[in-house]
C-alpha cells in the first residue's frame, strides 16, 4: 500500500488555510499514485484550541469535511484527517478515514488524553478496524501510541496496518521513535505515523514522521522537512513463525490484566 505522509504546519484556528493545505496535499498525492494520505493530529484546526475547542469542533456533516470528501472522490485517494469532533454533546479528538469514493469509512476518537487535553475533550472508547483494498487498518492518535494495549487490541481485531496521527512535541522525540518501533515489533505489523511541525504557545512540534515494517525496520523517515512523502508499506508480509506473538501470548493474561486494573 502506498501511503503519503503530509507533514506540515497547520495554522491555529485558521480552518480555511488548513483546508487549502489539505486539498493541495491530496492533489499531490493523486500524482504520486498514493492509495491513502495520512495527516497529523488536529490538522484542520491546529492543536491548542483550549477554551475555544467547542467553537472549532466539527460534526461529520460539516462543509469542510464534505469538501475533503469530494476531493478524495475526484482524485480516487483515501485520507485520514484529524480534527476536534462534536459528538453527543462532547468534544473528541477525532481521526476520520474517508475512502477513495469520498465516503466516510470509519472514525476513531482518541482514547488516551495527554496533559491538558483532559480539560477539553472526552475519551473515546471504541477501536475500529476497517478495510481498504483488502487491507485491514486500525487508527490511533498520538499519546495512544504509548499504551501497548491499544495496538494489541487493534491487532487482535485483525489489523494488518496501524496509522497514527500525531501532534507530538519536544522533548518526546525518543518516545515517538522507540514506541513506534516497539508497537510494530510486538504486533508484527507495519506502523505509519504522521506528526506535525511548527509552534503553538510554548509547544514545539518536531515532525519526524516515519513508517516502519513489522520488524521495526525504518522504511521512511521525514525528519523535520515539510512536505508530502510517499512510502510503499509492505502489508500482510510473511512473519517469523518462531516469534508469533499474537498466537503465543498466554490467554489468561488478559483476565489478570482486568482483575489487576479493577484493584489499582
C-alpha atoms as a PDB file:
ATOM      1  CA  UNK A   1       0.000   0.000   0.000  1.00  0.00           C
ATOM      2  CA  UNK A   2       1.350   3.427  -0.941  1.00  0.00           C
ATOM      3  CA  UNK A   3       0.779   5.908   1.881  1.00  0.00           C
ATOM      4  CA  UNK A   4       1.699   9.589   1.605  1.00  0.00           C
ATOM      5  CA  UNK A   5       2.580  11.400   4.833  1.00  0.00           C
ATOM      6  CA  UNK A   6       1.513  15.055   4.948  1.00  0.00           C
ATOM      7  CA  UNK A   7       3.978  16.566   7.424  1.00  0.00           C
ATOM      8  CA  UNK A   8       3.194  20.264   7.646  1.00  0.00           C
ATOM      9  CA  UNK A   9       2.437  23.204   9.962  1.00  0.00           C
ATOM     10  CA  UNK A  10      -1.271  23.865  10.474  1.00  0.00           C
ATOM     11  CA  UNK A  11      -2.247  27.402  11.456  1.00  0.00           C
ATOM     12  CA  UNK A  12      -4.051  27.563  14.780  1.00  0.00           C
ATOM     13  CA  UNK A  13      -7.745  28.473  14.330  1.00  0.00           C
ATOM     14  CA  UNK A  14      -7.386  29.105  10.565  1.00  0.00           C
ATOM     15  CA  UNK A  15      -9.501  26.309   9.124  1.00  0.00           C
ATOM     16  CA  UNK A  16      -9.713  27.826   5.643  1.00  0.00           C
ATOM     17  CA  UNK A  17      -5.913  27.924   5.376  1.00  0.00           C
ATOM     18  CA  UNK A  18      -5.534  24.399   6.735  1.00  0.00           C
ATOM     19  CA  UNK A  19      -8.219  23.073   4.394  1.00  0.00           C
ATOM     20  CA  UNK A  20      -6.367  24.622   1.466  1.00  0.00           C
ATOM     21  CA  UNK A  21      -3.162  22.842   2.513  1.00  0.00           C
ATOM     22  CA  UNK A  22      -5.021  19.558   2.928  1.00  0.00           C
ATOM     23  CA  UNK A  23      -6.565  19.831  -0.543  1.00  0.00           C
ATOM     24  CA  UNK A  24      -3.185  20.693  -2.093  1.00  0.00           C
ATOM     25  CA  UNK A  25      -1.638  17.616  -0.482  1.00  0.00           C
ATOM     26  CA  UNK A  26      -4.482  15.427  -1.720  1.00  0.00           C
ATOM     27  CA  UNK A  27      -3.911  16.669  -5.270  1.00  0.00           C
ATOM     28  CA  UNK A  28      -0.180  15.987  -4.959  1.00  0.00           C
ATOM     29  CA  UNK A  29      -0.888  12.536  -3.536  1.00  0.00           C
ATOM     30  CA  UNK A  30      -3.010  11.746  -6.553  1.00  0.00           C
ATOM     31  CA  UNK A  31       0.007  12.486  -8.758  1.00  0.00           C
ATOM     32  CA  UNK A  32       2.168  10.289  -6.512  1.00  0.00           C
ATOM     33  CA  UNK A  33      -0.184   7.351  -7.010  1.00  0.00           C
ATOM     34  CA  UNK A  34      -0.979   7.178  -3.306  1.00  0.00           C
ATOM     35  CA  UNK A  35      -3.682   4.888  -2.004  1.00  0.00           C
ATOM     36  CA  UNK A  36      -4.084   6.971   1.164  1.00  0.00           C
ATOM     37  CA  UNK A  37      -2.873  10.251   2.672  1.00  0.00           C
ATOM     38  CA  UNK A  38      -2.197  10.395   6.430  1.00  0.00           C
ATOM     39  CA  UNK A  39      -2.461  13.823   8.087  1.00  0.00           C
ATOM     40  CA  UNK A  40      -1.306  14.960  11.561  1.00  0.00           C
ATOM     41  CA  UNK A  41      -3.482  15.210  14.653  1.00  0.00           C
ATOM     42  CA  UNK A  42      -5.852  18.223  14.674  1.00  0.00           C
ATOM     43  CA  UNK A  43      -4.520  19.308  11.278  1.00  0.00           C
ATOM     44  CA  UNK A  44      -7.770  21.025  10.290  1.00  0.00           C
ATOM     45  CA  UNK A  45      -7.766  23.426  13.258  1.00  0.00           C
ATOM     46  CA  UNK A  46      -4.400  23.415  14.993  1.00  0.00           C
ATOM     47  CA  UNK A  47      -3.814  21.930  18.427  1.00  0.00           C
ATOM     48  CA  UNK A  48      -4.089  24.498  21.257  1.00  0.00           C
ATOM     49  CA  UNK A  49      -7.773  25.395  20.963  1.00  0.00           C
ATOM     50  CA  UNK A  50      -8.287  25.154  24.736  1.00  0.00           C
ATOM     51  CA  UNK A  51     -11.412  27.127  25.793  1.00  0.00           C
ATOM     52  CA  UNK A  52     -12.404  27.539  22.116  1.00  0.00           C
ATOM     53  CA  UNK A  53     -12.463  23.799  21.465  1.00  0.00           C
ATOM     54  CA  UNK A  54     -16.243  23.601  21.226  1.00  0.00           C
ATOM     55  CA  UNK A  55     -16.336  26.603  18.889  1.00  0.00           C
ATOM     56  CA  UNK A  56     -13.966  24.947  16.421  1.00  0.00           C
ATOM     57  CA  UNK A  57     -15.309  21.406  16.734  1.00  0.00           C
ATOM     58  CA  UNK A  58     -16.850  19.907  13.589  1.00  0.00           C
ATOM     59  CA  UNK A  59     -19.688  17.474  13.042  1.00  0.00           C
ATOM     60  CA  UNK A  60     -19.375  14.846  10.325  1.00  0.00           C
ATOM     61  CA  UNK A  61     -21.731  16.755   8.036  1.00  0.00           C
ATOM     62  CA  UNK A  62     -19.600  19.922   8.068  1.00  0.00           C
ATOM     63  CA  UNK A  63     -18.806  21.753   4.854  1.00  0.00           C
ATOM     64  CA  UNK A  64     -15.071  21.385   5.481  1.00  0.00           C
ATOM     65  CA  UNK A  65     -15.317  17.610   5.586  1.00  0.00           C
ATOM     66  CA  UNK A  66     -17.660  17.484   2.616  1.00  0.00           C
ATOM     67  CA  UNK A  67     -15.076  19.417   0.591  1.00  0.00           C
ATOM     68  CA  UNK A  68     -12.388  16.881   1.549  1.00  0.00           C
ATOM     69  CA  UNK A  69     -14.739  14.009   0.706  1.00  0.00           C
ATOM     70  CA  UNK A  70     -15.374  15.492  -2.745  1.00  0.00           C
ATOM     71  CA  UNK A  71     -11.634  15.838  -3.385  1.00  0.00           C
ATOM     72  CA  UNK A  72     -10.967  12.244  -2.320  1.00  0.00           C
ATOM     73  CA  UNK A  73     -13.673  11.056  -4.690  1.00  0.00           C
ATOM     74  CA  UNK A  74     -12.384  13.100  -7.626  1.00  0.00           C
ATOM     75  CA  UNK A  75      -8.779  12.010  -7.065  1.00  0.00           C
ATOM     76  CA  UNK A  76      -9.574   8.403  -6.130  1.00  0.00           C
ATOM     77  CA  UNK A  77      -7.459   8.764  -2.989  1.00  0.00           C
ATOM     78  CA  UNK A  78      -8.345   7.833   0.596  1.00  0.00           C
ATOM     79  CA  UNK A  79      -7.391  10.058   3.538  1.00  0.00           C
ATOM     80  CA  UNK A  80      -7.127  10.020   7.316  1.00  0.00           C
ATOM     81  CA  UNK A  81      -7.987  13.509   8.592  1.00  0.00           C
ATOM     82  CA  UNK A  82      -7.876  14.658  12.219  1.00  0.00           C
ATOM     83  CA  UNK A  83      -9.935  17.408  13.859  1.00  0.00           C
ATOM     84  CA  UNK A  84     -11.960  18.115  17.004  1.00  0.00           C
ATOM     85  CA  UNK A  85     -15.354  16.473  16.606  1.00  0.00           C
ATOM     86  CA  UNK A  86     -18.543  17.477  18.389  1.00  0.00           C
ATOM     87  CA  UNK A  87     -20.408  14.249  19.114  1.00  0.00           C
ATOM     88  CA  UNK A  88     -23.211  13.581  21.600  1.00  0.00           C
ATOM     89  CA  UNK A  89     -22.707  16.962  23.304  1.00  0.00           C
ATOM     90  CA  UNK A  90     -18.993  16.343  23.939  1.00  0.00           C
ATOM     91  CA  UNK A  91     -15.796  17.128  22.043  1.00  0.00           C
ATOM     92  CA  UNK A  92     -13.396  14.400  20.929  1.00  0.00           C
ATOM     93  CA  UNK A  93     -10.064  14.374  19.130  1.00  0.00           C
ATOM     94  CA  UNK A  94     -11.055  12.507  16.002  1.00  0.00           C
ATOM     95  CA  UNK A  95      -9.259  10.649  13.233  1.00  0.00           C
ATOM     96  CA  UNK A  96     -11.601  10.129  10.304  1.00  0.00           C
ATOM     97  CA  UNK A  97     -10.960   7.800   7.382  1.00  0.00           C
ATOM     98  CA  UNK A  98     -12.506   8.891   4.088  1.00  0.00           C
ATOM     99  CA  UNK A  99     -12.252   6.283   1.338  1.00  0.00           C
ATOM    100  CA  UNK A 100     -11.343   6.846  -2.308  1.00  0.00           C
ATOM    101  CA  UNK A 101     -15.031   7.155  -3.230  1.00  0.00           C
ATOM    102  CA  UNK A 102     -15.436  10.037  -0.791  1.00  0.00           C
ATOM    103  CA  UNK A 103     -17.386   8.037   1.752  1.00  0.00           C
ATOM    104  CA  UNK A 104     -16.764   8.245   5.490  1.00  0.00           C
ATOM    105  CA  UNK A 105     -15.436   4.789   6.222  1.00  0.00           C
ATOM    106  CA  UNK A 106     -14.691   4.962   9.961  1.00  0.00           C
ATOM    107  CA  UNK A 107     -13.971   7.359  12.819  1.00  0.00           C
ATOM    108  CA  UNK A 108     -11.727   6.927  15.838  1.00  0.00           C
ATOM    109  CA  UNK A 109     -11.863   9.044  18.992  1.00  0.00           C
ATOM    110  CA  UNK A 110      -8.597   9.416  20.887  1.00  0.00           C
ATOM    111  CA  UNK A 111      -8.855   7.278  23.994  1.00  0.00           C
ATOM    112  CA  UNK A 112      -5.756   8.360  25.948  1.00  0.00           C
ATOM    113  CA  UNK A 113      -5.676  12.080  26.571  1.00  0.00           C
ATOM    114  CA  UNK A 114      -2.389  13.865  27.217  1.00  0.00           C
ATOM    115  CA  UNK A 115      -1.924  16.512  29.890  1.00  0.00           C
ATOM    116  CA  UNK A 116      -4.408  19.409  29.494  1.00  0.00           C
ATOM    117  CA  UNK A 117      -6.387  17.619  26.759  1.00  0.00           C
ATOM    118  CA  UNK A 118      -8.417  16.127  29.615  1.00  0.00           C
ATOM    119  CA  UNK A 119      -9.887  19.575  30.330  1.00  0.00           C
ATOM    120  CA  UNK A 120     -11.408  19.981  26.885  1.00  0.00           C
ATOM    121  CA  UNK A 121     -12.013  16.543  25.403  1.00  0.00           C
ATOM    122  CA  UNK A 122     -13.841  13.348  26.285  1.00  0.00           C
ATOM    123  CA  UNK A 123     -12.138   9.949  25.991  1.00  0.00           C
ATOM    124  CA  UNK A 124     -13.062   7.634  23.164  1.00  0.00           C
ATOM    125  CA  UNK A 125     -13.755   4.005  23.989  1.00  0.00           C
ATOM    126  CA  UNK A 126     -14.040   2.140  20.677  1.00  0.00           C
ATOM    127  CA  UNK A 127     -11.228   0.786  18.499  1.00  0.00           C
ATOM    128  CA  UNK A 128     -12.464   0.210  14.955  1.00  0.00           C
ATOM    129  CA  UNK A 129     -10.684  -1.835  12.300  1.00  0.00           C
ATOM    130  CA  UNK A 130     -11.774  -1.310   8.688  1.00  0.00           C
ATOM    131  CA  UNK A 131     -10.767  -2.464   5.225  1.00  0.00           C
ATOM    132  CA  UNK A 132      -9.248  -0.572   2.290  1.00  0.00           C
ATOM    133  CA  UNK A 133      -8.229  -2.537  -0.816  1.00  0.00           C
ATOM    134  CA  UNK A 134      -8.266  -5.763   1.163  1.00  0.00           C
ATOM    135  CA  UNK A 135      -6.020  -4.326   3.904  1.00  0.00           C
ATOM    136  CA  UNK A 136      -7.344  -4.279   7.471  1.00  0.00           C
ATOM    137  CA  UNK A 137      -6.430  -0.932   9.083  1.00  0.00           C
ATOM    138  CA  UNK A 138      -6.588   0.454  12.615  1.00  0.00           C
ATOM    139  CA  UNK A 139      -6.081   4.050  13.742  1.00  0.00           C
ATOM    140  CA  UNK A 140      -4.521   5.642  16.812  1.00  0.00           C
ATOM    141  CA  UNK A 141      -3.812   9.238  17.810  1.00  0.00           C
ATOM    142  CA  UNK A 142      -0.566  10.461  19.370  1.00  0.00           C
ATOM    143  CA  UNK A 143      -0.479   9.527  23.105  1.00  0.00           C
ATOM    144  CA  UNK A 144      -2.318   6.263  22.302  1.00  0.00           C
ATOM    145  CA  UNK A 145       0.982   5.036  20.843  1.00  0.00           C
ATOM    146  CA  UNK A 146       2.491   4.913  24.342  1.00  0.00           C
ATOM    147  CA  UNK A 147      -0.046   2.350  25.567  1.00  0.00           C
ATOM    148  CA  UNK A 148       0.681  -1.128  24.157  1.00  0.00           C
ATOM    149  CA  UNK A 149      -2.880  -2.244  24.876  1.00  0.00           C
ATOM    150  CA  UNK A 150      -4.275  -0.080  22.051  1.00  0.00           C
ATOM    151  CA  UNK A 151      -2.194  -1.522  19.242  1.00  0.00           C
ATOM    152  CA  UNK A 152      -2.538  -5.025  20.709  1.00  0.00           C
ATOM    153  CA  UNK A 153      -6.320  -4.741  20.645  1.00  0.00           C
ATOM    154  CA  UNK A 154      -6.282  -3.489  17.049  1.00  0.00           C
ATOM    155  CA  UNK A 155      -4.018  -6.382  16.088  1.00  0.00           C
ATOM    156  CA  UNK A 156      -6.256  -8.915  17.820  1.00  0.00           C
ATOM    157  CA  UNK A 157      -9.191  -7.436  15.907  1.00  0.00           C
ATOM    158  CA  UNK A 158      -7.371  -8.246  12.683  1.00  0.00           C
ATOM    159  CA  UNK A 159      -5.420  -5.099  11.773  1.00  0.00           C
ATOM    160  CA  UNK A 160      -2.704  -5.584   9.137  1.00  0.00           C
ATOM    161  CA  UNK A 161      -1.525  -1.970   9.490  1.00  0.00           C
ATOM    162  CA  UNK A 162      -1.881   0.829  12.042  1.00  0.00           C
ATOM    163  CA  UNK A 163      -1.938   4.532  11.142  1.00  0.00           C
ATOM    164  CA  UNK A 164      -1.098   7.155  13.764  1.00  0.00           C
ATOM    165  CA  UNK A 165      -1.921  10.871  13.512  1.00  0.00           C
ATOM    166  CA  UNK A 166       0.101  12.936  15.985  1.00  0.00           C
ATOM    167  CA  UNK A 167       0.784  16.413  17.289  1.00  0.00           C
ATOM    168  CA  UNK A 168       3.858  15.400  19.236  1.00  0.00           C
ATOM    169  CA  UNK A 169       6.090  17.996  20.799  1.00  0.00           C
ATOM    170  CA  UNK A 170       9.584  18.284  22.209  1.00  0.00           C
ATOM    171  CA  UNK A 171      11.125  16.740  24.316  1.00  0.00           C
ATOM    172  CA  UNK A 172       9.373  13.474  23.322  1.00  0.00           C
ATOM    173  CA  UNK A 173      11.261  12.659  20.113  1.00  0.00           C
ATOM    174  CA  UNK A 174      12.798   9.463  21.508  1.00  0.00           C
ATOM    175  CA  UNK A 175       9.445   8.316  22.901  1.00  0.00           C
ATOM    176  CA  UNK A 176       7.849   8.506  19.473  1.00  0.00           C
ATOM    177  CA  UNK A 177      10.711   6.639  17.832  1.00  0.00           C
ATOM    178  CA  UNK A 178      11.006   3.862  20.414  1.00  0.00           C
ATOM    179  CA  UNK A 179       7.281   3.268  20.849  1.00  0.00           C
ATOM    180  CA  UNK A 180       6.596   3.244  17.107  1.00  0.00           C
ATOM    181  CA  UNK A 181       9.163   0.510  16.552  1.00  0.00           C
ATOM    182  CA  UNK A 182       8.071  -1.383  19.662  1.00  0.00           C
ATOM    183  CA  UNK A 183       4.390  -1.409  18.702  1.00  0.00           C
ATOM    184  CA  UNK A 184       5.316  -2.657  15.225  1.00  0.00           C
ATOM    185  CA  UNK A 185       7.633  -5.391  16.503  1.00  0.00           C
ATOM    186  CA  UNK A 186       5.392  -6.725  19.256  1.00  0.00           C
ATOM    187  CA  UNK A 187       2.435  -6.960  16.870  1.00  0.00           C
ATOM    188  CA  UNK A 188       4.465  -7.901  13.759  1.00  0.00           C
ATOM    189  CA  UNK A 189       2.683  -5.389  11.534  1.00  0.00           C
ATOM    190  CA  UNK A 190       3.727  -2.079   9.927  1.00  0.00           C
ATOM    191  CA  UNK A 191       3.123   1.216  11.708  1.00  0.00           C
ATOM    192  CA  UNK A 192       2.946   4.612   9.997  1.00  0.00           C
ATOM    193  CA  UNK A 193       2.990   7.874  11.942  1.00  0.00           C
ATOM    194  CA  UNK A 194       2.457  11.428  10.692  1.00  0.00           C
ATOM    195  CA  UNK A 195       3.474  14.230  13.038  1.00  0.00           C
ATOM    196  CA  UNK A 196       3.166  17.966  12.519  1.00  0.00           C
ATOM    197  CA  UNK A 197       5.673  20.825  12.594  1.00  0.00           C
ATOM    198  CA  UNK A 198       5.582  24.380  13.955  1.00  0.00           C
ATOM    199  CA  UNK A 199       4.983  26.026  17.316  1.00  0.00           C
ATOM    200  CA  UNK A 200       1.886  26.947  19.317  1.00  0.00           C
ATOM    201  CA  UNK A 201       2.364  28.774  22.603  1.00  0.00           C
ATOM    202  CA  UNK A 202       5.261  27.058  24.369  1.00  0.00           C
ATOM    203  CA  UNK A 203       4.865  23.850  22.355  1.00  0.00           C
ATOM    204  CA  UNK A 204       7.318  23.000  19.580  1.00  0.00           C
ATOM    205  CA  UNK A 205       6.195  20.142  17.338  1.00  0.00           C
ATOM    206  CA  UNK A 206       9.097  18.130  15.943  1.00  0.00           C
ATOM    207  CA  UNK A 207       7.831  16.211  12.912  1.00  0.00           C
ATOM    208  CA  UNK A 208       9.930  13.053  12.416  1.00  0.00           C
ATOM    209  CA  UNK A 209       7.080  11.300  10.596  1.00  0.00           C
ATOM    210  CA  UNK A 210       8.029   7.717   9.922  1.00  0.00           C
ATOM    211  CA  UNK A 211       6.992   4.324   8.563  1.00  0.00           C
ATOM    212  CA  UNK A 212       8.330   1.028   9.905  1.00  0.00           C
ATOM    213  CA  UNK A 213       7.636  -2.551   8.896  1.00  0.00           C
ATOM    214  CA  UNK A 214       6.594  -5.411  11.174  1.00  0.00           C
ATOM    215  CA  UNK A 215      10.185  -5.987  12.285  1.00  0.00           C
ATOM    216  CA  UNK A 216      10.707  -2.353  13.286  1.00  0.00           C
ATOM    217  CA  UNK A 217      12.841  -1.633  10.212  1.00  0.00           C
ATOM    218  CA  UNK A 218      12.550   2.012   9.176  1.00  0.00           C
ATOM    219  CA  UNK A 219      11.048   2.296   5.696  1.00  0.00           C
ATOM    220  CA  UNK A 220      10.940   6.093   5.638  1.00  0.00           C
ATOM    221  CA  UNK A 221      11.881   8.980   7.926  1.00  0.00           C
ATOM    222  CA  UNK A 222      10.769  12.538   7.105  1.00  0.00           C
ATOM    223  CA  UNK A 223      12.997  14.361   9.587  1.00  0.00           C
ATOM    224  CA  UNK A 224      11.944  17.978  10.088  1.00  0.00           C
ATOM    225  CA  UNK A 225      11.209  18.814   6.453  1.00  0.00           C
ATOM    226  CA  UNK A 226       7.746  19.980   5.456  1.00  0.00           C
ATOM    227  CA  UNK A 227       6.090  18.198   2.561  1.00  0.00           C
ATOM    228  CA  UNK A 228       4.188  15.182   1.278  1.00  0.00           C
ATOM    229  CA  UNK A 229       6.185  11.969   1.413  1.00  0.00           C
ATOM    230  CA  UNK A 230       5.067   8.741  -0.301  1.00  0.00           C
ATOM    231  CA  UNK A 231       6.157   5.396   1.111  1.00  0.00           C
ATOM    232  CA  UNK A 232       5.332   1.891  -0.057  1.00  0.00           C
ATOM    233  CA  UNK A 233       4.368  -0.095   3.028  1.00  0.00           C
ATOM    234  CA  UNK A 234       4.531  -3.915   2.852  1.00  0.00           C
ATOM    235  CA  UNK A 235       1.351  -5.244   4.447  1.00  0.00           C
ATOM    236  CA  UNK A 236       0.417  -8.866   5.111  1.00  0.00           C
ATOM    237  CA  UNK A 237       4.122  -9.749   4.826  1.00  0.00           C
ATOM    238  CA  UNK A 238       5.385 -13.168   5.990  1.00  0.00           C
ATOM    239  CA  UNK A 239       6.041 -13.263   9.735  1.00  0.00           C
ATOM    240  CA  UNK A 240       8.625 -15.044  11.859  1.00  0.00           C
ATOM    241  CA  UNK A 241       6.966 -18.337  12.840  1.00  0.00           C
ATOM    242  CA  UNK A 242       9.244 -18.651  15.865  1.00  0.00           C
ATOM    243  CA  UNK A 243       8.034 -15.362  17.336  1.00  0.00           C
ATOM    244  CA  UNK A 244       4.323 -15.495  16.509  1.00  0.00           C
ATOM    245  CA  UNK A 245       3.492 -13.164  19.405  1.00  0.00           C
ATOM    246  CA  UNK A 246      -0.253 -12.976  18.825  1.00  0.00           C
ATOM    247  CA  UNK A 247      -0.799 -16.721  18.960  1.00  0.00           C
ATOM    248  CA  UNK A 248       1.770 -17.356  21.702  1.00  0.00           C
ATOM    249  CA  UNK A 249       0.527 -14.837  24.250  1.00  0.00           C
ATOM    250  CA  UNK A 250      -0.925 -16.595  27.302  1.00  0.00           C
ATOM    251  CA  UNK A 251      -4.714 -16.050  27.114  1.00  0.00           C
ATOM    252  CA  UNK A 252      -5.097 -15.878  30.890  1.00  0.00           C
ATOM    253  CA  UNK A 253      -3.032 -12.701  30.987  1.00  0.00           C
ATOM    254  CA  UNK A 254      -5.995 -10.701  29.674  1.00  0.00           C
ATOM    255  CA  UNK A 255      -8.185 -11.782  32.597  1.00  0.00           C
ATOM    256  CA  UNK A 256      -5.422 -10.937  35.047  1.00  0.00           C
ATOM    257  CA  UNK A 257      -4.956  -7.510  33.461  1.00  0.00           C
ATOM    258  CA  UNK A 258      -8.647  -6.785  34.008  1.00  0.00           C
ATOM    259  CA  UNK A 259      -8.534  -8.044  37.589  1.00  0.00           C
ATOM    260  CA  UNK A 260      -5.401  -6.026  38.357  1.00  0.00           C
ATOM    261  CA  UNK A 261      -6.904  -2.911  36.817  1.00  0.00           C
ATOM    262  CA  UNK A 262     -10.019  -3.245  38.958  1.00  0.00           C
ATOM    263  CA  UNK A 263      -7.863  -3.165  42.083  1.00  0.00           C
ATOM    264  CA  UNK A 264      -5.435  -0.445  41.002  1.00  0.00           C
END
